[in-house]
Full PDB file with SEQRES, HELIX, SHEET, SSBOND, CRYST1, ORIGX, SCALE, CONECT and MASTER records, all heavy atoms in Angstrom:
SEQRES   1 A   38  PRO LYS GLN SER PHE THR LYS PHE PHE GLN GLU PRO ARG          
SEQRES   2 A   38  ASP ARG ILE GLY ARG ALA MET TYR ARG ALA ASP VAL ASP          
SEQRES   3 A   38  VAL PHE ALA ASN ALA GLY ASP PRO ALA GLU ASP PHE              
HELIX    1 AA1 PRO A   12  ASP A   14  5                                   3    
CRYST1    1.000    1.000    1.000  90.00  90.00  90.00 P 1           1          
ORIGX1      1.000000  0.000000  0.000000        0.00000                         
ORIGX2      0.000000  1.000000  0.000000        0.00000                         
ORIGX3      0.000000  0.000000  1.000000        0.00000                         
SCALE1      1.000000  0.000000  0.000000        0.00000                         
SCALE2      0.000000  1.000000  0.000000        0.00000                         
SCALE3      0.000000  0.000000  1.000000        0.00000                         
ATOM      1  N   PRO A   1       0.631 -19.863  -2.801  1.00  0.00           N  
ATOM      2  CA  PRO A   1      -0.482 -18.922  -2.683  1.00  0.00           C  
ATOM      3  C   PRO A   1      -0.745 -18.440  -1.279  1.00  0.00           C  
ATOM      4  O   PRO A   1      -0.984 -17.237  -1.049  1.00  0.00           O  
ATOM      5  CB  PRO A   1      -1.679 -19.708  -3.238  1.00  0.00           C  
ATOM      6  CG  PRO A   1      -1.080 -20.700  -4.165  1.00  0.00           C  
ATOM      7  CD  PRO A   1       0.215 -21.090  -3.526  1.00  0.00           C  
ATOM      8  N   LYS A   2      -0.734 -19.333  -0.283  1.00  0.00           N  
ATOM      9  CA  LYS A   2      -1.065 -18.937   1.090  1.00  0.00           C  
ATOM     10  C   LYS A   2       0.042 -18.111   1.746  1.00  0.00           C  
ATOM     11  O   LYS A   2      -0.160 -17.568   2.839  1.00  0.00           O  
ATOM     12  CB  LYS A   2      -1.380 -20.187   1.925  1.00  0.00           C  
ATOM     13  CG  LYS A   2      -2.663 -20.898   1.490  1.00  0.00           C  
ATOM     14  CD  LYS A   2      -2.997 -22.054   2.397  1.00  0.00           C  
ATOM     15  CE  LYS A   2      -4.306 -22.707   1.944  1.00  0.00           C  
ATOM     16  NZ  LYS A   2      -4.688 -23.850   2.823  1.00  0.00           N  
ATOM     17  N   GLN A   3       1.192 -18.030   1.088  1.00  0.00           N  
ATOM     18  CA  GLN A   3       2.287 -17.192   1.582  1.00  0.00           C  
ATOM     19  C   GLN A   3       2.430 -15.929   0.730  1.00  0.00           C  
ATOM     20  O   GLN A   3       3.443 -15.232   0.852  1.00  0.00           O  
ATOM     21  CB  GLN A   3       3.587 -17.988   1.608  1.00  0.00           C  
ATOM     22  CG  GLN A   3       3.566 -19.185   2.536  1.00  0.00           C  
ATOM     23  CD  GLN A   3       4.864 -19.988   2.492  1.00  0.00           C  
ATOM     24  OE1 GLN A   3       5.919 -19.448   2.185  1.00  0.00           O  
ATOM     25  NE2 GLN A   3       4.753 -21.260   2.825  1.00  0.00           N  
ATOM     26  N   SER A   4       1.434 -15.661  -0.124  1.00  0.00           N  
ATOM     27  CA  SER A   4       1.538 -14.566  -1.071  1.00  0.00           C  
ATOM     28  C   SER A   4       0.678 -13.377  -0.695  1.00  0.00           C  
ATOM     29  O   SER A   4       0.418 -12.517  -1.536  1.00  0.00           O  
ATOM     30  CB  SER A   4       1.150 -15.072  -2.485  1.00  0.00           C  
ATOM     31  OG  SER A   4       2.076 -16.035  -2.938  1.00  0.00           O  
ATOM     32  N   PHE A   5       0.248 -13.298   0.554  1.00  0.00           N  
ATOM     33  CA  PHE A   5      -0.492 -12.130   0.985  1.00  0.00           C  
ATOM     34  C   PHE A   5      -0.259 -11.917   2.493  1.00  0.00           C  
ATOM     35  O   PHE A   5       0.088 -12.846   3.228  1.00  0.00           O  
ATOM     36  CB  PHE A   5      -2.004 -12.254   0.713  1.00  0.00           C  
ATOM     37  CG  PHE A   5      -2.643 -13.515   1.216  1.00  0.00           C  
ATOM     38  CD1 PHE A   5      -3.143 -13.603   2.514  1.00  0.00           C  
ATOM     39  CD2 PHE A   5      -2.783 -14.627   0.404  1.00  0.00           C  
ATOM     40  CE1 PHE A   5      -3.749 -14.763   2.978  1.00  0.00           C  
ATOM     41  CE2 PHE A   5      -3.384 -15.779   0.848  1.00  0.00           C  
ATOM     42  CZ  PHE A   5      -3.879 -15.851   2.146  1.00  0.00           C  
ATOM     43  N   THR A   6      -0.386 -10.677   2.922  1.00  0.00           N  
ATOM     44  CA  THR A   6      -0.148 -10.331   4.312  1.00  0.00           C  
ATOM     45  C   THR A   6      -1.268 -10.904   5.199  1.00  0.00           C  
ATOM     46  O   THR A   6      -2.378 -11.118   4.763  1.00  0.00           O  
ATOM     47  CB  THR A   6      -0.087  -8.808   4.491  1.00  0.00           C  
ATOM     48  OG1 THR A   6      -1.268  -8.213   3.938  1.00  0.00           O  
ATOM     49  CG2 THR A   6       1.119  -8.226   3.796  1.00  0.00           C  
ATOM     50  N   LYS A   7      -0.891 -11.135   6.444  1.00  0.00           N  
ATOM     51  CA  LYS A   7      -1.829 -11.706   7.409  1.00  0.00           C  
ATOM     52  C   LYS A   7      -2.562 -10.624   8.171  1.00  0.00           C  
ATOM     53  O   LYS A   7      -2.110  -9.478   8.253  1.00  0.00           O  
ATOM     54  CB  LYS A   7      -1.072 -12.634   8.364  1.00  0.00           C  
ATOM     55  CG  LYS A   7      -0.249 -13.712   7.700  1.00  0.00           C  
ATOM     56  CD  LYS A   7      -1.112 -14.585   6.769  1.00  0.00           C  
ATOM     57  CE  LYS A   7      -0.319 -15.704   6.141  1.00  0.00           C  
ATOM     58  NZ  LYS A   7       0.232 -15.377   4.851  1.00  0.00           N  
ATOM     59  N   PHE A   8      -3.702 -10.985   8.737  1.00  0.00           N  
ATOM     60  CA  PHE A   8      -4.469  -9.990   9.493  1.00  0.00           C  
ATOM     61  C   PHE A   8      -3.802  -9.591  10.791  1.00  0.00           C  
ATOM     62  O   PHE A   8      -3.715  -8.424  11.109  1.00  0.00           O  
ATOM     63  CB  PHE A   8      -5.873 -10.550   9.806  1.00  0.00           C  
ATOM     64  CG  PHE A   8      -6.762 -10.647   8.615  1.00  0.00           C  
ATOM     65  CD1 PHE A   8      -7.355 -11.849   8.252  1.00  0.00           C  
ATOM     66  CD2 PHE A   8      -7.036  -9.528   7.822  1.00  0.00           C  
ATOM     67  CE1 PHE A   8      -8.193 -11.939   7.146  1.00  0.00           C  
ATOM     68  CE2 PHE A   8      -7.852  -9.612   6.715  1.00  0.00           C  
ATOM     69  CZ  PHE A   8      -8.426 -10.829   6.386  1.00  0.00           C  
ATOM     70  N   PHE A   9      -3.262 -10.552  11.536  1.00  0.00           N  
ATOM     71  CA  PHE A   9      -2.663 -10.248  12.839  1.00  0.00           C  
ATOM     72  C   PHE A   9      -1.376  -9.475  12.645  1.00  0.00           C  
ATOM     73  O   PHE A   9      -0.546  -9.822  11.799  1.00  0.00           O  
ATOM     74  CB  PHE A   9      -2.385 -11.527  13.620  1.00  0.00           C  
ATOM     75  CG  PHE A   9      -1.724 -11.285  14.950  1.00  0.00           C  
ATOM     76  CD1 PHE A   9      -2.465 -10.793  16.018  1.00  0.00           C  
ATOM     77  CD2 PHE A   9      -0.361 -11.506  15.133  1.00  0.00           C  
ATOM     78  CE1 PHE A   9      -1.850 -10.549  17.245  1.00  0.00           C  
ATOM     79  CE2 PHE A   9       0.236 -11.262  16.344  1.00  0.00           C  
ATOM     80  CZ  PHE A   9      -0.508 -10.797  17.402  1.00  0.00           C  
ATOM     81  N   GLN A  10      -1.198  -8.435  13.445  1.00  0.00           N  
ATOM     82  CA  GLN A  10       0.019  -7.621  13.372  1.00  0.00           C  
ATOM     83  C   GLN A  10       0.875  -7.862  14.612  1.00  0.00           C  
ATOM     84  O   GLN A  10       0.398  -7.766  15.734  1.00  0.00           O  
ATOM     85  CB  GLN A  10      -0.334  -6.131  13.319  1.00  0.00           C  
ATOM     86  CG  GLN A  10      -1.151  -5.710  12.135  1.00  0.00           C  
ATOM     87  CD  GLN A  10      -1.290  -4.205  12.065  1.00  0.00           C  
ATOM     88  OE1 GLN A  10      -0.515  -3.532  11.409  1.00  0.00           O  
ATOM     89  NE2 GLN A  10      -2.266  -3.646  12.770  1.00  0.00           N  
ATOM     90  N   GLU A  11       2.128  -8.179  14.387  1.00  0.00           N  
ATOM     91  CA  GLU A  11       3.069  -8.264  15.492  1.00  0.00           C  
ATOM     92  C   GLU A  11       3.186  -6.876  16.144  1.00  0.00           C  
ATOM     93  O   GLU A  11       3.120  -5.883  15.434  1.00  0.00           O  
ATOM     94  CB  GLU A  11       4.445  -8.734  15.021  1.00  0.00           C  
ATOM     95  CG  GLU A  11       4.465 -10.156  14.452  1.00  0.00           C  
ATOM     96  CD  GLU A  11       4.211 -11.197  15.516  1.00  0.00           C  
ATOM     97  OE1 GLU A  11       4.343 -10.873  16.715  1.00  0.00           O  
ATOM     98  OE2 GLU A  11       3.859 -12.351  15.157  1.00  0.00           O  
ATOM     99  N   PRO A  12       3.322  -6.813  17.467  1.00  0.00           N  
ATOM    100  CA  PRO A  12       3.406  -5.510  18.139  1.00  0.00           C  
ATOM    101  C   PRO A  12       4.408  -4.546  17.520  1.00  0.00           C  
ATOM    102  O   PRO A  12       4.128  -3.354  17.404  1.00  0.00           O  
ATOM    103  CB  PRO A  12       3.786  -5.894  19.576  1.00  0.00           C  
ATOM    104  CG  PRO A  12       3.189  -7.262  19.754  1.00  0.00           C  
ATOM    105  CD  PRO A  12       3.355  -7.938  18.415  1.00  0.00           C  
ATOM    106  N   ARG A  13       5.562  -5.045  17.097  1.00  0.00           N  
ATOM    107  CA  ARG A  13       6.588  -4.167  16.544  1.00  0.00           C  
ATOM    108  C   ARG A  13       6.208  -3.591  15.165  1.00  0.00           C  
ATOM    109  O   ARG A  13       6.785  -2.606  14.721  1.00  0.00           O  
ATOM    110  CB  ARG A  13       7.929  -4.901  16.426  1.00  0.00           C  
ATOM    111  CG  ARG A  13       7.928  -6.046  15.423  1.00  0.00           C  
ATOM    112  CD  ARG A  13       9.297  -6.703  15.309  1.00  0.00           C  
ATOM    113  NE  ARG A  13       9.318  -7.779  14.349  1.00  0.00           N  
ATOM    114  CZ  ARG A  13       8.968  -9.031  14.623  1.00  0.00           C  
ATOM    115  NH1 ARG A  13       8.563  -9.341  15.842  1.00  0.00           N  
ATOM    116  NH2 ARG A  13       9.010  -9.971  13.680  1.00  0.00           N  
ATOM    117  N   ASP A  14       5.230  -4.232  14.516  1.00  0.00           N  
ATOM    118  CA  ASP A  14       4.834  -3.798  13.175  1.00  0.00           C  
ATOM    119  C   ASP A  14       3.572  -2.959  13.192  1.00  0.00           C  
ATOM    120  O   ASP A  14       3.132  -2.457  12.163  1.00  0.00           O  
ATOM    121  CB  ASP A  14       4.622  -5.015  12.261  1.00  0.00           C  
ATOM    122  CG  ASP A  14       5.889  -5.816  12.057  1.00  0.00           C  
ATOM    123  OD1 ASP A  14       6.965  -5.192  12.037  1.00  0.00           O  
ATOM    124  OD2 ASP A  14       5.804  -7.049  11.919  1.00  0.00           O  
ATOM    125  N   ARG A  15       2.937  -2.810  14.326  1.00  0.00           N  
ATOM    126  CA  ARG A  15       1.654  -2.135  14.396  1.00  0.00           C  
ATOM    127  C   ARG A  15       1.780  -0.623  14.192  1.00  0.00           C  
ATOM    128  O   ARG A  15       2.719   0.005  14.646  1.00  0.00           O  
ATOM    129  CB  ARG A  15       0.971  -2.411  15.740  1.00  0.00           C  
ATOM    130  CG  ARG A  15       0.496  -3.840  15.914  1.00  0.00           C  
ATOM    131  CD  ARG A  15      -0.130  -4.038  17.274  1.00  0.00           C  
ATOM    132  NE  ARG A  15      -0.347  -5.467  17.518  1.00  0.00           N  
ATOM    133  CZ  ARG A  15      -0.730  -5.965  18.683  1.00  0.00           C  
ATOM    134  NH1 ARG A  15      -0.955  -5.156  19.706  1.00  0.00           N  
ATOM    135  NH2 ARG A  15      -0.900  -7.280  18.824  1.00  0.00           N  
ATOM    136  N   ILE A  16       0.806  -0.094  13.473  1.00  0.00           N  
ATOM    137  CA  ILE A  16       0.644   1.346  13.351  1.00  0.00           C  
ATOM    138  C   ILE A  16      -0.636   1.700  14.115  1.00  0.00           C  
ATOM    139  O   ILE A  16      -1.719   1.286  13.747  1.00  0.00           O  
ATOM    140  CB  ILE A  16       0.547   1.782  11.875  1.00  0.00           C  
ATOM    141  CG1 ILE A  16       1.831   1.412  11.132  1.00  0.00           C  
ATOM    142  CG2 ILE A  16       0.286   3.275  11.770  1.00  0.00           C  
ATOM    143  CD1 ILE A  16       1.776   1.706   9.637  1.00  0.00           C  
ATOM    144  N   GLY A  17      -0.495   2.405  15.214  1.00  0.00           N  
ATOM    145  CA  GLY A  17      -1.628   2.622  16.094  1.00  0.00           C  
ATOM    146  C   GLY A  17      -1.801   1.436  17.038  1.00  0.00           C  
ATOM    147  O   GLY A  17      -0.894   0.631  17.244  1.00  0.00           O  
ATOM    148  N   ARG A  18      -3.006   1.278  17.546  1.00  0.00           N  
ATOM    149  CA  ARG A  18      -3.238   0.230  18.535  1.00  0.00           C  
ATOM    150  C   ARG A  18      -3.973  -0.982  17.988  1.00  0.00           C  
ATOM    151  O   ARG A  18      -4.221  -1.948  18.696  1.00  0.00           O  
ATOM    152  CB  ARG A  18      -4.040   0.820  19.708  1.00  0.00           C  
ATOM    153  CG  ARG A  18      -3.358   2.002  20.378  1.00  0.00           C  
ATOM    154  CD  ARG A  18      -4.227   2.620  21.443  1.00  0.00           C  
ATOM    155  NE  ARG A  18      -4.560   1.674  22.509  1.00  0.00           N  
ATOM    156  CZ  ARG A  18      -5.339   1.945  23.546  1.00  0.00           C  
ATOM    157  NH1 ARG A  18      -5.899   3.152  23.631  1.00  0.00           N  
ATOM    158  NH2 ARG A  18      -5.588   1.044  24.455  1.00  0.00           N  
ATOM    159  N   ALA A  19      -4.326  -0.941  16.717  1.00  0.00           N  
ATOM    160  CA  ALA A  19      -5.117  -2.031  16.122  1.00  0.00           C  
ATOM    161  C   ALA A  19      -4.340  -3.347  16.124  1.00  0.00           C  
ATOM    162  O   ALA A  19      -3.173  -3.398  15.712  1.00  0.00           O  
ATOM    163  CB  ALA A  19      -5.531  -1.674  14.707  1.00  0.00           C  
ATOM    164  N   MET A  20      -4.960  -4.398  16.589  1.00  0.00           N  
ATOM    165  CA  MET A  20      -4.331  -5.718  16.628  1.00  0.00           C  
ATOM    166  C   MET A  20      -4.284  -6.353  15.245  1.00  0.00           C  
ATOM    167  O   MET A  20      -3.361  -7.084  14.897  1.00  0.00           O  
ATOM    168  CB  MET A  20      -5.087  -6.628  17.584  1.00  0.00           C  
ATOM    169  CG  MET A  20      -4.503  -8.047  17.702  1.00  0.00           C  
ATOM    170  SD  MET A  20      -5.399  -9.106  18.852  1.00  0.00           S  
ATOM    171  CE  MET A  20      -5.042  -8.247  20.397  1.00  0.00           C  
ATOM    172  N   TYR A  21      -5.300  -6.020  14.419  1.00  0.00           N  
ATOM    173  CA  TYR A  21      -5.406  -6.638  13.114  1.00  0.00           C  
ATOM    174  C   TYR A  21      -5.347  -5.603  11.978  1.00  0.00           C  
ATOM    175  O   TYR A  21      -5.822  -4.493  12.141  1.00  0.00           O  
ATOM    176  CB  TYR A  21      -6.723  -7.429  12.994  1.00  0.00           C  
ATOM    177  CG  TYR A  21      -6.888  -8.481  14.055  1.00  0.00           C  
ATOM    178  CD1 TYR A  21      -7.684  -8.253  15.149  1.00  0.00           C  
ATOM    179  CD2 TYR A  21      -6.208  -9.687  13.976  1.00  0.00           C  
ATOM    180  CE1 TYR A  21      -7.859  -9.219  16.145  1.00  0.00           C  
ATOM    181  CE2 TYR A  21      -6.343 -10.642  14.960  1.00  0.00           C  
ATOM    182  CZ  TYR A  21      -7.160 -10.411  16.047  1.00  0.00           C  
ATOM    183  OH  TYR A  21      -7.299 -11.362  17.022  1.00  0.00           O  
ATOM    184  N   ARG A  22      -4.789  -6.017  10.879  1.00  0.00           N  
ATOM    185  CA  ARG A  22      -4.858  -5.215   9.682  1.00  0.00           C  
ATOM    186  C   ARG A  22      -6.239  -5.348   9.058  1.00  0.00           C  
ATOM    187  O   ARG A  22      -6.768  -6.456   8.965  1.00  0.00           O  
ATOM    188  CB  ARG A  22      -3.809  -5.650   8.659  1.00  0.00           C  
ATOM    189  CG  ARG A  22      -2.391  -5.314   9.015  1.00  0.00           C  
ATOM    190  CD  ARG A  22      -1.434  -5.665   7.876  1.00  0.00           C  
ATOM    191  NE  ARG A  22      -1.781  -4.983   6.611  1.00  0.00           N  
ATOM    192  CZ  ARG A  22      -0.935  -4.869   5.613  1.00  0.00           C  
ATOM    193  NH1 ARG A  22       0.283  -5.371   5.694  1.00  0.00           N  
ATOM    194  NH2 ARG A  22      -1.305  -4.254   4.513  1.00  0.00           N  
ATOM    195  N   ALA A  23      -6.803  -4.265   8.615  1.00  0.00           N  
ATOM    196  CA  ALA A  23      -8.087  -4.282   7.897  1.00  0.00           C  
ATOM    197  C   ALA A  23      -7.834  -4.047   6.411  1.00  0.00           C  
ATOM    198  O   ALA A  23      -8.733  -3.615   5.681  1.00  0.00           O  
ATOM    199  CB  ALA A  23      -9.032  -3.234   8.438  1.00  0.00           C  
ATOM    200  N   ASP A  24      -6.611  -4.334   5.987  1.00  0.00           N  
ATOM    201  CA  ASP A  24      -6.219  -4.265   4.581  1.00  0.00           C  
ATOM    202  C   ASP A  24      -5.244  -5.394   4.315  1.00  0.00           C  
ATOM    203  O   ASP A  24      -4.653  -5.950   5.229  1.00  0.00           O  
ATOM    204  CB  ASP A  24      -5.589  -2.902   4.255  1.00  0.00           C  
ATOM    205  CG  ASP A  24      -4.364  -2.648   5.137  1.00  0.00           C  
ATOM    206  OD1 ASP A  24      -4.524  -2.074   6.244  1.00  0.00           O  
ATOM    207  OD2 ASP A  24      -3.241  -3.034   4.728  1.00  0.00           O  
ATOM    208  N   VAL A  25      -5.100  -5.742   3.064  1.00  0.00           N  
ATOM    209  CA  VAL A  25      -4.253  -6.880   2.682  1.00  0.00           C  
ATOM    210  C   VAL A  25      -3.471  -6.524   1.436  1.00  0.00           C  
ATOM    211  O   VAL A  25      -3.968  -5.869   0.526  1.00  0.00           O  
ATOM    212  CB  VAL A  25      -5.097  -8.147   2.458  1.00  0.00           C  
ATOM    213  CG1 VAL A  25      -4.275  -9.262   1.825  1.00  0.00           C  
ATOM    214  CG2 VAL A  25      -5.730  -8.622   3.734  1.00  0.00           C  
ATOM    215  N   ASP A  26      -2.204  -6.955   1.408  1.00  0.00           N  
ATOM    216  CA  ASP A  26      -1.378  -6.847   0.197  1.00  0.00           C  
ATOM    217  C   ASP A  26      -1.218  -8.258  -0.364  1.00  0.00           C  
ATOM    218  O   ASP A  26      -0.770  -9.187   0.329  1.00  0.00           O  
ATOM    219  CB  ASP A  26      -0.004  -6.264   0.521  1.00  0.00           C  
ATOM    220  CG  ASP A  26      -0.061  -4.832   0.970  1.00  0.00           C  
ATOM    221  OD1 ASP A  26      -0.820  -4.060   0.341  1.00  0.00           O  
ATOM    222  OD2 ASP A  26       0.629  -4.447   1.917  1.00  0.00           O  
ATOM    223  N   VAL A  27      -1.555  -8.423  -1.637  1.00  0.00           N  
ATOM    224  CA  VAL A  27      -1.340  -9.683  -2.336  1.00  0.00           C  
ATOM    225  C   VAL A  27      -0.142  -9.489  -3.259  1.00  0.00           C  
ATOM    226  O   VAL A  27      -0.094  -8.527  -4.034  1.00  0.00           O  
ATOM    227  CB  VAL A  27      -2.579 -10.087  -3.149  1.00  0.00           C  
ATOM    228  CG1 VAL A  27      -2.337 -11.430  -3.837  1.00  0.00           C  
ATOM    229  CG2 VAL A  27      -3.810 -10.189  -2.253  1.00  0.00           C  
ATOM    230  N   PHE A  28       0.817 -10.415  -3.171  1.00  0.00           N  
ATOM    231  CA  PHE A  28       2.074 -10.242  -3.897  1.00  0.00           C  
ATOM    232  C   PHE A  28       2.186 -11.136  -5.122  1.00  0.00           C  
ATOM    233  O   PHE A  28       1.645 -12.234  -5.158  1.00  0.00           O  
ATOM    234  CB  PHE A  28       3.247 -10.572  -2.960  1.00  0.00           C  
ATOM    235  CG  PHE A  28       3.283  -9.753  -1.720  1.00  0.00           C  
ATOM    236  CD1 PHE A  28       2.951 -10.307  -0.484  1.00  0.00           C  
ATOM    237  CD2 PHE A  28       3.658  -8.406  -1.745  1.00  0.00           C  
ATOM    238  CE1 PHE A  28       2.968  -9.565   0.682  1.00  0.00           C  
ATOM    239  CE2 PHE A  28       3.673  -7.647  -0.593  1.00  0.00           C  
ATOM    240  CZ  PHE A  28       3.325  -8.242   0.629  1.00  0.00           C  
ATOM    241  N   ALA A  29       2.952 -10.643  -6.096  1.00  0.00           N  
ATOM    242  CA  ALA A  29       3.378 -11.438  -7.250  1.00  0.00           C  
ATOM    243  C   ALA A  29       4.890 -11.226  -7.346  1.00  0.00           C  
ATOM    244  O   ALA A  29       5.341 -10.265  -7.958  1.00  0.00           O  
ATOM    245  CB  ALA A  29       2.683 -10.990  -8.517  1.00  0.00           C  
ATOM    246  N   ASN A  30       5.632 -12.108  -6.719  1.00  0.00           N  
ATOM    247  CA  ASN A  30       7.087 -11.928  -6.589  1.00  0.00           C  
ATOM    248  C   ASN A  30       7.845 -13.110  -7.156  1.00  0.00           C  
ATOM    249  O   ASN A  30       7.378 -14.237  -7.119  1.00  0.00           O  
ATOM    250  CB  ASN A  30       7.480 -11.756  -5.120  1.00  0.00           C  
ATOM    251  CG  ASN A  30       7.432 -10.343  -4.636  1.00  0.00           C  
ATOM    252  OD1 ASN A  30       6.379  -9.738  -4.665  1.00  0.00           O  
ATOM    253  ND2 ASN A  30       8.561  -9.812  -4.200  1.00  0.00           N  
ATOM    254  N   ALA A  31       9.059 -12.818  -7.619  1.00  0.00           N  
ATOM    255  CA  ALA A  31       9.945 -13.879  -8.023  1.00  0.00           C  
ATOM    256  C   ALA A  31      10.759 -14.380  -6.840  1.00  0.00           C  
ATOM    257  O   ALA A  31      11.488 -15.350  -6.936  1.00  0.00           O  
ATOM    258  CB  ALA A  31      10.887 -13.419  -9.135  1.00  0.00           C  
ATOM    259  N   GLY A  32      10.613 -13.679  -5.689  1.00  0.00           N  
ATOM    260  CA  GLY A  32      11.318 -14.052  -4.475  1.00  0.00           C  
ATOM    261  C   GLY A  32      10.448 -13.846  -3.260  1.00  0.00           C  
ATOM    262  O   GLY A  32       9.244 -13.996  -3.318  1.00  0.00           O  
ATOM    263  N   ASP A  33      11.094 -13.449  -2.147  1.00  0.00           N  
ATOM    264  CA  ASP A  33      10.381 -13.201  -0.895  1.00  0.00           C  
ATOM    265  C   ASP A  33      10.010 -11.740  -0.830  1.00  0.00           C  
ATOM    266  O   ASP A  33      10.844 -10.870  -1.023  1.00  0.00           O  
ATOM    267  CB  ASP A  33      11.319 -13.581   0.274  1.00  0.00           C  
ATOM    268  CG  ASP A  33      10.599 -13.524   1.619  1.00  0.00           C  
ATOM    269  OD1 ASP A  33       9.892 -12.541   1.891  1.00  0.00           O  
ATOM    270  OD2 ASP A  33      10.766 -14.465   2.397  1.00  0.00           O  
ATOM    271  N   PRO A  34       8.724 -11.420  -0.505  1.00  0.00           N  
ATOM    272  CA  PRO A  34       8.303 -10.013  -0.425  1.00  0.00           C  
ATOM    273  C   PRO A  34       9.052  -9.186   0.590  1.00  0.00           C  
ATOM    274  O   PRO A  34       9.025  -7.944   0.508  1.00  0.00           O  
ATOM    275  CB  PRO A  34       6.825 -10.125  -0.049  1.00  0.00           C  
ATOM    276  CG  PRO A  34       6.391 -11.454  -0.547  1.00  0.00           C  
ATOM    277  CD  PRO A  34       7.579 -12.325  -0.335  1.00  0.00           C  
ATOM    278  N   ALA A  35       9.737  -9.819   1.547  1.00  0.00           N  
ATOM    279  CA  ALA A  35      10.547  -9.074   2.507  1.00  0.00           C  
ATOM    280  C   ALA A  35      12.007  -8.947   2.079  1.00  0.00           C  
ATOM    281  O   ALA A  35      12.778  -8.218   2.703  1.00  0.00           O  
ATOM    282  CB  ALA A  35      10.492  -9.754   3.900  1.00  0.00           C  
ATOM    283  N   GLU A  36      12.357  -9.615   0.987  1.00  0.00           N  
ATOM    284  CA  GLU A  36      13.757  -9.629   0.518  1.00  0.00           C  
ATOM    285  C   GLU A  36      13.920  -9.091  -0.890  1.00  0.00           C  
ATOM    286  O   GLU A  36      14.993  -8.576  -1.236  1.00  0.00           O  
ATOM    287  CB  GLU A  36      14.311 -11.064   0.556  1.00  0.00           C  
ATOM    288  CG  GLU A  36      14.327 -11.714   1.919  1.00  0.00           C  
ATOM    289  CD  GLU A  36      15.303 -11.050   2.885  1.00  0.00           C  
ATOM    290  OE1 GLU A  36      16.248 -10.381   2.424  1.00  0.00           O  
ATOM    291  OE2 GLU A  36      15.111 -11.199   4.113  1.00  0.00           O  
ATOM    292  N   ASP A  37      12.887  -9.190  -1.691  1.00  0.00           N  
ATOM    293  CA  ASP A  37      13.006  -8.871  -3.110  1.00  0.00           C  
ATOM    294  C   ASP A  37      11.932  -7.904  -3.569  1.00  0.00           C  
ATOM    295  O   ASP A  37      10.749  -8.015  -3.176  1.00  0.00           O  
ATOM    296  CB  ASP A  37      12.893 -10.163  -3.943  1.00  0.00           C  
ATOM    297  CG  ASP A  37      13.912 -11.190  -3.513  1.00  0.00           C  
ATOM    298  OD1 ASP A  37      15.094 -11.069  -3.861  1.00  0.00           O  
ATOM    299  OD2 ASP A  37      13.504 -12.136  -2.786  1.00  0.00           O  
ATOM    300  N   PHE A  38      12.296  -6.999  -4.460  1.00  0.00           N  
ATOM    301  CA  PHE A  38      11.341  -6.117  -5.078  1.00  0.00           C  
ATOM    302  C   PHE A  38      10.356  -6.934  -5.896  1.00  0.00           C  
ATOM    303  O   PHE A  38      10.762  -7.891  -6.589  1.00  0.00           O  
ATOM    304  CB  PHE A  38      12.076  -5.100  -5.978  1.00  0.00           C  
ATOM    305  CG  PHE A  38      11.723  -3.685  -5.674  1.00  0.00           C  
ATOM    306  CD1 PHE A  38      12.395  -2.991  -4.663  1.00  0.00           C  
ATOM    307  CD2 PHE A  38      10.727  -3.032  -6.369  1.00  0.00           C  
ATOM    308  CE1 PHE A  38      12.094  -1.681  -4.375  1.00  0.00           C  
ATOM    309  CE2 PHE A  38      10.404  -1.719  -6.086  1.00  0.00           C  
ATOM    310  CZ  PHE A  38      11.088  -1.050  -5.081  1.00  0.00           C  
TER     311      PHE A  38                                                      
MASTER        0    0    0    1    0    0    0    6  310    1    0    3          
END                                                                             
């Protein structure tokens, strides 16, 4: 569960704009890794 949603802190390479934190969250239901599998 704790690995099934995006984190608030954004790595510099992933940031859109200058915001340090995401003010939105994606919660996943995956059979694999959200970065590897649909």
